[in-house]
Amino acid sequence: MRAANEKLAADLLDAGKREFLAVGFQRASLRTISASLGVTTGSIYRYYTDKEALFDALVEKPALEFEARYRAVHHSFAELPLDQQLTDLPEVSGEGHAWMVQYVYDHYDAFKLIACCAAGTKYEHYIETLTEIEANSSRVLLDRMAAAGYHLSPIDDDLLHIISGIIFNGLFEAVRHDMPWEKATVYLNTLRDFYAAGWFKILGISNP
């Protein structure tokens, strides 16, 4: 049997998750969380300095791991020669999309909190952060192609940002609506094909 303090720590996480999902971070109350467990608010402060620290405990690790892995994928891709980037792009697009969907659904509760309840926390603009990684990587590729003499359709930074957010907005929309993994995978694969075909058209490369 777990020690009493270990059980309370786990119970606080469960109660905090329920409260955040029910009313969002900004309206969540440590008093309500503690009352649901029949303990004092002071009991929470032994574990968490405030409600944001409790929210962090629920989402920080998967959020940071997802972002770090996504950055690493783009970093590795950027180090490839341009011709290999263009050759590998369809495969990278498909594989990259698959692991993102799987990771989010493997850590569903954390990403549900980020998608629906993070207003007022440092995760409020998490999707924007991911979109910026995609947009910056895309800009580097477009600039490399232009320097190599490719004739590309004009695309400014605002449009690039909008395009780059399509996949993430679709992925987190599936989470917001509690779409089952099987259904989300089918829908998001279709969205990925739509997204990739558009990029292949812009870049002037074959869509396998």
Foldseek 3Di string as FASTA:
>chain_A
DDDPLVVVVVLLLVLLLVQCLVPFQVPGDLCVSQVVVPHHSVSVCVPAVDSLRSLCVLAVPLLVVLVVVLLVLLVVLLPDPLVVSQVCVLVSLVVVLVVNLVSCVVSLSNLLNLLPHQVPHPSVCSLLVQLVSQLVSVVSSVVVCVVVPQDFDDDDSVNSSVLSSQLVVLSSVCSPVVPDSVVSVVVSVVSSLVSVVVVCVRRVHDDD
